[in-house]
Amino acid sequence: MSDVSVTGALHSAVVVQALKSTVGENVAVFIDGKNQRVRRVYGENQICAGGLPPRDNSATRQREFYQTEKRAYLQLQSLNSPYVARNVVFDDNSQAMTMPYLGPDLFVRAQQEGWQPHARHLRQLVEMYHEYRLVKFFKFNSGRPNLYLDEKQDRLIAADFKWCTPRDLYCLTHELHMIHRDLSALDPQMPRMLQVTFSDFPADILQVAYTWLEENPLQNRHSEPEGLRRVYNLRVYLQDRFGVKILRDT
C-alpha cells in the first residue's frame, strides 16, 4: 500500500493553528498535537505565518501550489524515497495535505537546541538531491525551515515542494543560488558536495557557475532583491561566456 493517499474528504481531529515566523508564507499550517499530524492547507485568505493571508493570495496561484506539491510527493514516493514523509494524505476538495508531525524544523532546532548535522545527515542530503535529478525537478525551496529530522530513523525529511521547477539552465542558476545561500548554513562544503547531483548539466557550465557563486557571495542572505540580482547576473554571465540561451524572453 502506498504511503501517499489521495482522497476527496479528510476527517481529522481538532487542530491547533501553528503560526511560525519561519514557515507558512503561502500555506496555512495546523498541528494536531493529539495525533501528531500536520495539516497544510492551500487557498485564498488562509491564515498563514504571522496571522497574514498568503503572500500569493489568488485562487489560481494557490491551486498551482497544491498541485505542484502533490505531484512532487507522488513522484518521490514512486521511488520509495526515504526522505519525504510517510502516510501523506491529500484532500483535493480542500487543497490540503496531512502528514506526520516531526517536531521543529532544522532552523528552529539549531536556534533552540544547538542542533548540528552529522556527516551521515550531509550524505542524506546528497542522496535526496540525487532523487530530485531522477524525477527531473529542482526543489528550489532548500532552506533549513523546510527540513525536518525523523528522530526514530535519524533521517532528514524534506517538506514544502510547492516551488518545484523544471530542470533547465534557467532554473539551474536559481537552484544553485539557493543551495549556496541556504545549505551552506548546515556545512560550508554542502554546496560542493551536491555538485555531483547536477551531472545532467554540462560540466563546464556547472563548474563556472559554482566558481562564480563562490566569488560573488551575498552580502545579506535575507535580502530577496539582492538574491534576485545575483541570480540574474549569473544568468547573464553564463549566457555571455558560453553562448547559450539562458535568459527567458519577457
C-alpha atoms as a PDB file:
ATOM      1  CA  MET A   1       0.000   0.000   0.000  1.00  0.00           C
ATOM      2  CA  SER A   2       1.327   3.409  -0.917  1.00  0.00           C
ATOM      3  CA  ASP A   3       2.424   5.826   1.778  1.00  0.00           C
ATOM      4  CA  VAL A   4       0.719   8.609  -0.155  1.00  0.00           C
ATOM      5  CA  SER A   5      -3.048   8.518  -0.449  1.00  0.00           C
ATOM      6  CA  VAL A   6      -5.392  10.832  -2.277  1.00  0.00           C
ATOM      7  CA  THR A   7      -8.915  11.333  -1.046  1.00  0.00           C
ATOM      8  CA  GLY A   8     -11.827  13.636  -1.619  1.00  0.00           C
ATOM      9  CA  ALA A   9     -12.533  14.154   2.067  1.00  0.00           C
ATOM     10  CA  LEU A  10     -10.326  14.094   5.139  1.00  0.00           C
ATOM     11  CA  HIS A  11     -11.786  13.512   8.601  1.00  0.00           C
ATOM     12  CA  SER A  12      -9.311  14.986  11.062  1.00  0.00           C
ATOM     13  CA  ALA A  13      -9.181  15.678  14.766  1.00  0.00           C
ATOM     14  CA  VAL A  14      -9.436  19.147  16.218  1.00  0.00           C
ATOM     15  CA  VAL A  15      -6.329  21.047  15.207  1.00  0.00           C
ATOM     16  CA  VAL A  16      -4.410  23.991  16.572  1.00  0.00           C
ATOM     17  CA  GLN A  17      -3.073  26.509  14.084  1.00  0.00           C
ATOM     18  CA  ALA A  18       0.703  26.868  14.075  1.00  0.00           C
ATOM     19  CA  LEU A  19       1.735  30.418  13.286  1.00  0.00           C
ATOM     20  CA  LYS A  20       5.506  30.262  12.999  1.00  0.00           C
ATOM     21  CA  SER A  21       7.580  33.055  11.552  1.00  0.00           C
ATOM     22  CA  THR A  22       9.919  30.594   9.821  1.00  0.00           C
ATOM     23  CA  VAL A  23       7.332  28.813   7.678  1.00  0.00           C
ATOM     24  CA  GLY A  24       3.968  29.239   6.068  1.00  0.00           C
ATOM     25  CA  GLU A  25       4.035  32.422   3.979  1.00  0.00           C
ATOM     26  CA  ASN A  26       1.908  30.689   1.354  1.00  0.00           C
ATOM     27  CA  VAL A  27       0.276  27.853   3.250  1.00  0.00           C
ATOM     28  CA  ALA A  28      -1.761  27.579   6.434  1.00  0.00           C
ATOM     29  CA  VAL A  29      -0.157  25.095   8.822  1.00  0.00           C
ATOM     30  CA  PHE A  30      -2.117  23.268  11.520  1.00  0.00           C
ATOM     31  CA  ILE A  31      -0.727  20.864  14.113  1.00  0.00           C
ATOM     32  CA  ASP A  32      -2.844  18.092  15.603  1.00  0.00           C
ATOM     33  CA  GLY A  33      -0.878  17.507  18.780  1.00  0.00           C
ATOM     34  CA  LYS A  34      -3.029  14.620  19.973  1.00  0.00           C
ATOM     35  CA  ASN A  35      -2.486  12.527  16.849  1.00  0.00           C
ATOM     36  CA  GLN A  36       0.899  14.006  15.919  1.00  0.00           C
ATOM     37  CA  ARG A  37      -0.222  15.085  12.458  1.00  0.00           C
ATOM     38  CA  VAL A  38       0.300  18.284  10.466  1.00  0.00           C
ATOM     39  CA  ARG A  39      -2.253  19.679   8.027  1.00  0.00           C
ATOM     40  CA  ARG A  40      -1.179  22.114   5.307  1.00  0.00           C
ATOM     41  CA  VAL A  41      -3.974  23.988   3.523  1.00  0.00           C
ATOM     42  CA  TYR A  42      -3.640  25.990   0.301  1.00  0.00           C
ATOM     43  CA  GLY A  43      -6.291  28.550  -0.521  1.00  0.00           C
ATOM     44  CA  GLU A  44      -7.209  32.208  -0.745  1.00  0.00           C
ATOM     45  CA  ASN A  45      -7.335  34.109   2.543  1.00  0.00           C
ATOM     46  CA  GLN A  46      -5.996  31.276   4.665  1.00  0.00           C
ATOM     47  CA  ILE A  47      -4.228  32.453   7.812  1.00  0.00           C
ATOM     48  CA  CYS A  48      -0.505  31.937   7.300  1.00  0.00           C
ATOM     49  CA  ALA A  49       2.655  32.885   9.207  1.00  0.00           C
ATOM     50  CA  GLY A  50       2.210  35.877  11.470  1.00  0.00           C
ATOM     51  CA  GLY A  51      -1.569  35.767  11.049  1.00  0.00           C
ATOM     52  CA  LEU A  52      -1.293  37.129   7.498  1.00  0.00           C
ATOM     53  CA  PRO A  53      -3.019  35.936   4.315  1.00  0.00           C
ATOM     54  CA  PRO A  54      -0.921  34.048   1.741  1.00  0.00           C
ATOM     55  CA  ARG A  55       1.807  36.062   0.085  1.00  0.00           C
ATOM     56  CA  ASP A  56       0.493  34.865  -3.301  1.00  0.00           C
ATOM     57  CA  ASN A  57      -3.157  35.270  -2.407  1.00  0.00           C
ATOM     58  CA  SER A  58      -5.027  34.184  -5.513  1.00  0.00           C
ATOM     59  CA  ALA A  59      -7.135  31.101  -6.127  1.00  0.00           C
ATOM     60  CA  THR A  60      -5.132  30.213  -9.245  1.00  0.00           C
ATOM     61  CA  ARG A  61      -1.736  30.503  -7.565  1.00  0.00           C
ATOM     62  CA  GLN A  62      -2.842  28.568  -4.505  1.00  0.00           C
ATOM     63  CA  ARG A  63      -4.231  25.781  -6.690  1.00  0.00           C
ATOM     64  CA  GLU A  64      -0.918  25.637  -8.573  1.00  0.00           C
ATOM     65  CA  PHE A  65       0.993  25.379  -5.295  1.00  0.00           C
ATOM     66  CA  TYR A  66      -1.167  22.493  -4.125  1.00  0.00           C
ATOM     67  CA  GLN A  67      -0.947  20.634  -7.426  1.00  0.00           C
ATOM     68  CA  THR A  68       2.828  21.075  -7.625  1.00  0.00           C
ATOM     69  CA  GLU A  69       3.311  19.834  -4.070  1.00  0.00           C
ATOM     70  CA  LYS A  70       1.075  16.825  -4.615  1.00  0.00           C
ATOM     71  CA  ARG A  71       2.809  15.903  -7.881  1.00  0.00           C
ATOM     72  CA  ALA A  72       6.266  16.120  -6.261  1.00  0.00           C
ATOM     73  CA  TYR A  73       5.277  13.852  -3.374  1.00  0.00           C
ATOM     74  CA  LEU A  74       3.782  11.275  -5.709  1.00  0.00           C
ATOM     75  CA  GLN A  75       6.903  11.298  -7.889  1.00  0.00           C
ATOM     76  CA  LEU A  76       9.229  10.848  -4.925  1.00  0.00           C
ATOM     77  CA  GLN A  77       7.075   8.152  -3.396  1.00  0.00           C
ATOM     78  CA  SER A  78       7.229   6.291  -6.705  1.00  0.00           C
ATOM     79  CA  LEU A  79      10.959   5.967  -5.924  1.00  0.00           C
ATOM     80  CA  ASN A  80      10.161   4.817  -2.373  1.00  0.00           C
ATOM     81  CA  SER A  81      12.096   7.844  -1.190  1.00  0.00           C
ATOM     82  CA  PRO A  82      13.068   7.687   2.487  1.00  0.00           C
ATOM     83  CA  TYR A  83      13.424  11.481   2.549  1.00  0.00           C
ATOM     84  CA  VAL A  84       9.779  12.542   2.400  1.00  0.00           C
ATOM     85  CA  ALA A  85       7.089  11.987   4.993  1.00  0.00           C
ATOM     86  CA  ARG A  86       5.197   8.706   5.019  1.00  0.00           C
ATOM     87  CA  ASN A  87       1.436   8.358   5.295  1.00  0.00           C
ATOM     88  CA  VAL A  88       0.703  11.604   3.477  1.00  0.00           C
ATOM     89  CA  VAL A  89      -2.979  12.176   2.718  1.00  0.00           C
ATOM     90  CA  PHE A  90      -4.119  14.621   0.045  1.00  0.00           C
ATOM     91  CA  ASP A  91      -7.591  16.156   0.094  1.00  0.00           C
ATOM     92  CA  ASP A  92      -8.253  17.629  -3.344  1.00  0.00           C
ATOM     93  CA  ASN A  93     -11.560  19.211  -2.322  1.00  0.00           C
ATOM     94  CA  SER A  94      -9.990  21.486   0.280  1.00  0.00           C
ATOM     95  CA  GLN A  95      -6.492  21.568  -1.269  1.00  0.00           C
ATOM     96  CA  ALA A  96      -4.995  20.189   1.923  1.00  0.00           C
ATOM     97  CA  MET A  97      -2.441  17.587   2.859  1.00  0.00           C
ATOM     98  CA  THR A  98      -1.734  15.908   6.172  1.00  0.00           C
ATOM     99  CA  MET A  99       1.417  14.127   7.275  1.00  0.00           C
ATOM    100  CA  PRO A 100       3.165  13.039  10.480  1.00  0.00           C
ATOM    101  CA  TYR A 101       4.367  15.800  12.771  1.00  0.00           C
ATOM    102  CA  LEU A 102       8.149  15.543  13.113  1.00  0.00           C
ATOM    103  CA  GLY A 103       8.707  18.369  15.555  1.00  0.00           C
ATOM    104  CA  PRO A 104      10.532  21.643  14.905  1.00  0.00           C
ATOM    105  CA  ASP A 105      12.281  22.258  11.604  1.00  0.00           C
ATOM    106  CA  LEU A 106      16.080  22.280  11.455  1.00  0.00           C
ATOM    107  CA  PHE A 107      16.260  26.078  11.687  1.00  0.00           C
ATOM    108  CA  VAL A 108      14.303  26.061  14.943  1.00  0.00           C
ATOM    109  CA  ARG A 109      16.276  23.084  16.237  1.00  0.00           C
ATOM    110  CA  ALA A 110      19.532  24.923  15.564  1.00  0.00           C
ATOM    111  CA  GLN A 111      18.278  28.062  17.283  1.00  0.00           C
ATOM    112  CA  GLN A 112      16.701  26.388  20.303  1.00  0.00           C
ATOM    113  CA  GLU A 113      18.712  23.201  20.731  1.00  0.00           C
ATOM    114  CA  GLY A 114      22.015  23.988  19.026  1.00  0.00           C
ATOM    115  CA  TRP A 115      21.393  21.098  16.631  1.00  0.00           C
ATOM    116  CA  GLN A 116      24.175  20.436  14.130  1.00  0.00           C
ATOM    117  CA  PRO A 117      24.211  17.825  11.360  1.00  0.00           C
ATOM    118  CA  HIS A 118      26.456  14.770  11.451  1.00  0.00           C
ATOM    119  CA  ALA A 119      28.279  13.576   8.347  1.00  0.00           C
ATOM    120  CA  ARG A 120      25.523  10.999   7.779  1.00  0.00           C
ATOM    121  CA  HIS A 121      22.940  13.795   7.527  1.00  0.00           C
ATOM    122  CA  LEU A 122      25.013  15.546   4.874  1.00  0.00           C
ATOM    123  CA  ARG A 123      25.219  12.286   2.921  1.00  0.00           C
ATOM    124  CA  GLN A 124      21.443  12.009   3.188  1.00  0.00           C
ATOM    125  CA  LEU A 125      21.094  15.447   1.587  1.00  0.00           C
ATOM    126  CA  VAL A 126      23.223  14.308  -1.349  1.00  0.00           C
ATOM    127  CA  GLU A 127      21.017  11.234  -1.765  1.00  0.00           C
ATOM    128  CA  MET A 128      17.961  13.476  -1.519  1.00  0.00           C
ATOM    129  CA  TYR A 129      19.181  15.684  -4.364  1.00  0.00           C
ATOM    130  CA  HIS A 130      20.037  12.633  -6.453  1.00  0.00           C
ATOM    131  CA  GLU A 131      16.356  11.732  -6.200  1.00  0.00           C
ATOM    132  CA  TYR A 132      15.346  15.166  -7.455  1.00  0.00           C
ATOM    133  CA  ARG A 133      17.519  14.548 -10.509  1.00  0.00           C
ATOM    134  CA  LEU A 134      15.807  11.212 -11.108  1.00  0.00           C
ATOM    135  CA  VAL A 135      12.314  12.745 -11.011  1.00  0.00           C
ATOM    136  CA  LYS A 136      13.554  15.710 -13.070  1.00  0.00           C
ATOM    137  CA  PHE A 137      12.773  18.709 -10.925  1.00  0.00           C
ATOM    138  CA  PHE A 138      14.539  21.267  -8.750  1.00  0.00           C
ATOM    139  CA  LYS A 139      13.167  21.621  -5.236  1.00  0.00           C
ATOM    140  CA  PHE A 140      14.100  25.326  -5.139  1.00  0.00           C
ATOM    141  CA  ASN A 141      12.985  25.749  -1.523  1.00  0.00           C
ATOM    142  CA  SER A 142      16.048  24.249   0.125  1.00  0.00           C
ATOM    143  CA  GLY A 143      16.427  26.053   3.449  1.00  0.00           C
ATOM    144  CA  ARG A 144      16.530  24.591   6.947  1.00  0.00           C
ATOM    145  CA  PRO A 145      12.914  25.680   7.685  1.00  0.00           C
ATOM    146  CA  ASN A 146      11.878  23.065   5.108  1.00  0.00           C
ATOM    147  CA  LEU A 147      13.951  20.224   6.540  1.00  0.00           C
ATOM    148  CA  TYR A 148      12.995  18.041   9.495  1.00  0.00           C
ATOM    149  CA  LEU A 149      14.575  15.226  11.463  1.00  0.00           C
ATOM    150  CA  ASP A 150      12.856  11.881  11.893  1.00  0.00           C
ATOM    151  CA  GLU A 151      14.446  11.078  15.236  1.00  0.00           C
ATOM    152  CA  LYS A 152      13.389   7.430  15.235  1.00  0.00           C
ATOM    153  CA  GLN A 153      15.229   6.844  11.959  1.00  0.00           C
ATOM    154  CA  ASP A 154      17.828   9.601  12.451  1.00  0.00           C
ATOM    155  CA  ARG A 155      16.913  10.692   8.926  1.00  0.00           C
ATOM    156  CA  LEU A 156      16.336  14.059   7.314  1.00  0.00           C
ATOM    157  CA  ILE A 157      12.892  14.647   5.829  1.00  0.00           C
ATOM    158  CA  ALA A 158      12.238  17.325   3.212  1.00  0.00           C
ATOM    159  CA  ALA A 159       8.997  19.286   3.085  1.00  0.00           C
ATOM    160  CA  ASP A 160       7.431  22.066   1.036  1.00  0.00           C
ATOM    161  CA  PHE A 161       7.671  21.204  -2.666  1.00  0.00           C
ATOM    162  CA  LYS A 162       5.296  23.881  -3.927  1.00  0.00           C
ATOM    163  CA  TRP A 163       8.100  25.804  -5.667  1.00  0.00           C
ATOM    164  CA  CYS A 164       9.437  22.851  -7.702  1.00  0.00           C
ATOM    165  CA  THR A 165      10.707  23.870 -11.132  1.00  0.00           C
ATOM    166  CA  PRO A 166      11.791  22.085 -14.326  1.00  0.00           C
ATOM    167  CA  ARG A 167      15.436  21.117 -14.707  1.00  0.00           C
ATOM    168  CA  ASP A 168      16.707  23.588 -17.292  1.00  0.00           C
ATOM    169  CA  LEU A 169      19.593  26.074 -17.323  1.00  0.00           C
ATOM    170  CA  TYR A 170      17.366  28.981 -16.373  1.00  0.00           C
ATOM    171  CA  CYS A 171      16.144  27.230 -13.217  1.00  0.00           C
ATOM    172  CA  LEU A 172      19.554  25.683 -12.523  1.00  0.00           C
ATOM    173  CA  THR A 173      21.019  29.104 -11.773  1.00  0.00           C
ATOM    174  CA  HIS A 174      18.364  29.771  -9.146  1.00  0.00           C
ATOM    175  CA  GLU A 175      18.724  26.305  -7.611  1.00  0.00           C
ATOM    176  CA  LEU A 176      22.484  26.746  -7.264  1.00  0.00           C
ATOM    177  CA  HIS A 177      21.967  30.162  -5.701  1.00  0.00           C
ATOM    178  CA  MET A 178      19.528  28.656  -3.197  1.00  0.00           C
ATOM    179  CA  ILE A 179      21.765  25.801  -2.076  1.00  0.00           C
ATOM    180  CA  HIS A 180      24.720  28.176  -1.694  1.00  0.00           C
ATOM    181  CA  ARG A 181      22.560  30.583   0.296  1.00  0.00           C
ATOM    182  CA  ASP A 182      20.701  28.064   2.447  1.00  0.00           C
ATOM    183  CA  LEU A 183      22.503  24.748   2.724  1.00  0.00           C
ATOM    184  CA  SER A 184      25.915  26.236   3.409  1.00  0.00           C
ATOM    185  CA  ALA A 185      24.404  27.019   6.836  1.00  0.00           C
ATOM    186  CA  LEU A 186      24.471  23.278   7.522  1.00  0.00           C
ATOM    187  CA  ASP A 187      28.057  22.908   6.331  1.00  0.00           C
ATOM    188  CA  PRO A 188      30.205  25.261   4.227  1.00  0.00           C
ATOM    189  CA  GLN A 189      31.063  22.351   1.906  1.00  0.00           C
ATOM    190  CA  MET A 190      27.452  21.288   1.372  1.00  0.00           C
ATOM    191  CA  PRO A 191      27.025  23.107  -1.988  1.00  0.00           C
ATOM    192  CA  ARG A 192      30.143  21.403  -3.377  1.00  0.00           C
ATOM    193  CA  MET A 193      29.005  18.049  -2.033  1.00  0.00           C
ATOM    194  CA  LEU A 194      25.792  18.494  -4.024  1.00  0.00           C
ATOM    195  CA  GLN A 195      27.580  19.316  -7.281  1.00  0.00           C
ATOM    196  CA  VAL A 196      27.550  15.656  -8.304  1.00  0.00           C
ATOM    197  CA  THR A 197      23.736  15.689  -8.250  1.00  0.00           C
ATOM    198  CA  PHE A 198      23.693  18.129 -11.178  1.00  0.00           C
ATOM    199  CA  SER A 199      25.516  15.762 -13.544  1.00  0.00           C
ATOM    200  CA  ASP A 200      22.672  16.104 -16.046  1.00  0.00           C
ATOM    201  CA  PHE A 201      24.107  19.535 -16.981  1.00  0.00           C
ATOM    202  CA  PRO A 202      27.336  20.341 -18.873  1.00  0.00           C
ATOM    203  CA  ALA A 203      30.290  20.026 -16.508  1.00  0.00           C
ATOM    204  CA  ASP A 204      31.982  23.206 -17.732  1.00  0.00           C
ATOM    205  CA  ILE A 205      28.898  25.366 -17.206  1.00  0.00           C
ATOM    206  CA  LEU A 206      28.339  23.825 -13.789  1.00  0.00           C
ATOM    207  CA  GLN A 207      31.924  24.397 -12.667  1.00  0.00           C
ATOM    208  CA  VAL A 208      31.931  28.027 -13.814  1.00  0.00           C
ATOM    209  CA  ALA A 209      28.582  28.657 -12.093  1.00  0.00           C
ATOM    210  CA  TYR A 210      29.887  27.235  -8.825  1.00  0.00           C
ATOM    211  CA  THR A 211      33.049  29.317  -9.008  1.00  0.00           C
ATOM    212  CA  TRP A 212      31.088  32.488  -9.821  1.00  0.00           C
ATOM    213  CA  LEU A 213      28.755  31.966  -6.855  1.00  0.00           C
ATOM    214  CA  GLU A 214      31.691  31.384  -4.522  1.00  0.00           C
ATOM    215  CA  GLU A 215      33.389  34.544  -5.775  1.00  0.00           C
ATOM    216  CA  ASN A 216      30.194  36.592  -5.515  1.00  0.00           C
ATOM    217  CA  PRO A 217      28.767  35.838  -2.071  1.00  0.00           C
ATOM    218  CA  LEU A 218      25.650  37.506  -0.760  1.00  0.00           C
ATOM    219  CA  GLN A 219      26.193  40.492   1.487  1.00  0.00           C
ATOM    220  CA  ASN A 220      22.789  39.961   3.072  1.00  0.00           C
ATOM    221  CA  ARG A 221      21.418  36.451   2.669  1.00  0.00           C
ATOM    222  CA  HIS A 222      18.000  37.638   3.885  1.00  0.00           C
ATOM    223  CA  SER A 223      17.652  40.265   1.126  1.00  0.00           C
ATOM    224  CA  GLU A 224      15.350  38.975  -1.599  1.00  0.00           C
ATOM    225  CA  PRO A 225      16.214  41.799  -4.073  1.00  0.00           C
ATOM    226  CA  GLU A 226      19.925  41.070  -3.671  1.00  0.00           C
ATOM    227  CA  GLY A 227      19.317  37.381  -4.239  1.00  0.00           C
ATOM    228  CA  LEU A 228      17.318  38.027  -7.408  1.00  0.00           C
ATOM    229  CA  ARG A 229      20.055  40.335  -8.722  1.00  0.00           C
ATOM    230  CA  ARG A 230      22.640  37.657  -8.022  1.00  0.00           C
ATOM    231  CA  VAL A 231      20.692  35.066  -9.989  1.00  0.00           C
ATOM    232  CA  TYR A 232      20.142  37.447 -12.912  1.00  0.00           C
ATOM    233  CA  ASN A 233      23.828  38.389 -13.017  1.00  0.00           C
ATOM    234  CA  LEU A 234      24.823  34.717 -13.001  1.00  0.00           C
ATOM    235  CA  ARG A 235      22.483  34.007 -15.912  1.00  0.00           C
ATOM    236  CA  VAL A 236      23.919  36.906 -17.914  1.00  0.00           C
ATOM    237  CA  TYR A 237      27.480  35.806 -17.138  1.00  0.00           C
ATOM    238  CA  LEU A 238      26.921  32.198 -18.206  1.00  0.00           C
ATOM    239  CA  GLN A 239      24.980  33.179 -21.308  1.00  0.00           C
ATOM    240  CA  ASP A 240      27.726  35.551 -22.466  1.00  0.00           C
ATOM    241  CA  ARG A 241      30.551  33.152 -21.660  1.00  0.00           C
ATOM    242  CA  PHE A 242      29.098  30.010 -23.212  1.00  0.00           C
ATOM    243  CA  GLY A 243      26.880  31.479 -25.924  1.00  0.00           C
ATOM    244  CA  VAL A 244      23.854  29.509 -24.776  1.00  0.00           C
ATOM    245  CA  LYS A 245      20.414  30.966 -24.241  1.00  0.00           C
ATOM    246  CA  ILE A 246      19.539  31.084 -20.553  1.00  0.00           C
ATOM    247  CA  LEU A 247      17.557  34.286 -20.067  1.00  0.00           C
ATOM    248  CA  ARG A 248      13.900  33.976 -20.983  1.00  0.00           C
ATOM    249  CA  ASP A 249      12.134  36.329 -23.336  1.00  0.00           C
ATOM    250  CA  THR A 250       9.935  38.786 -21.471  1.00  0.00           C
END
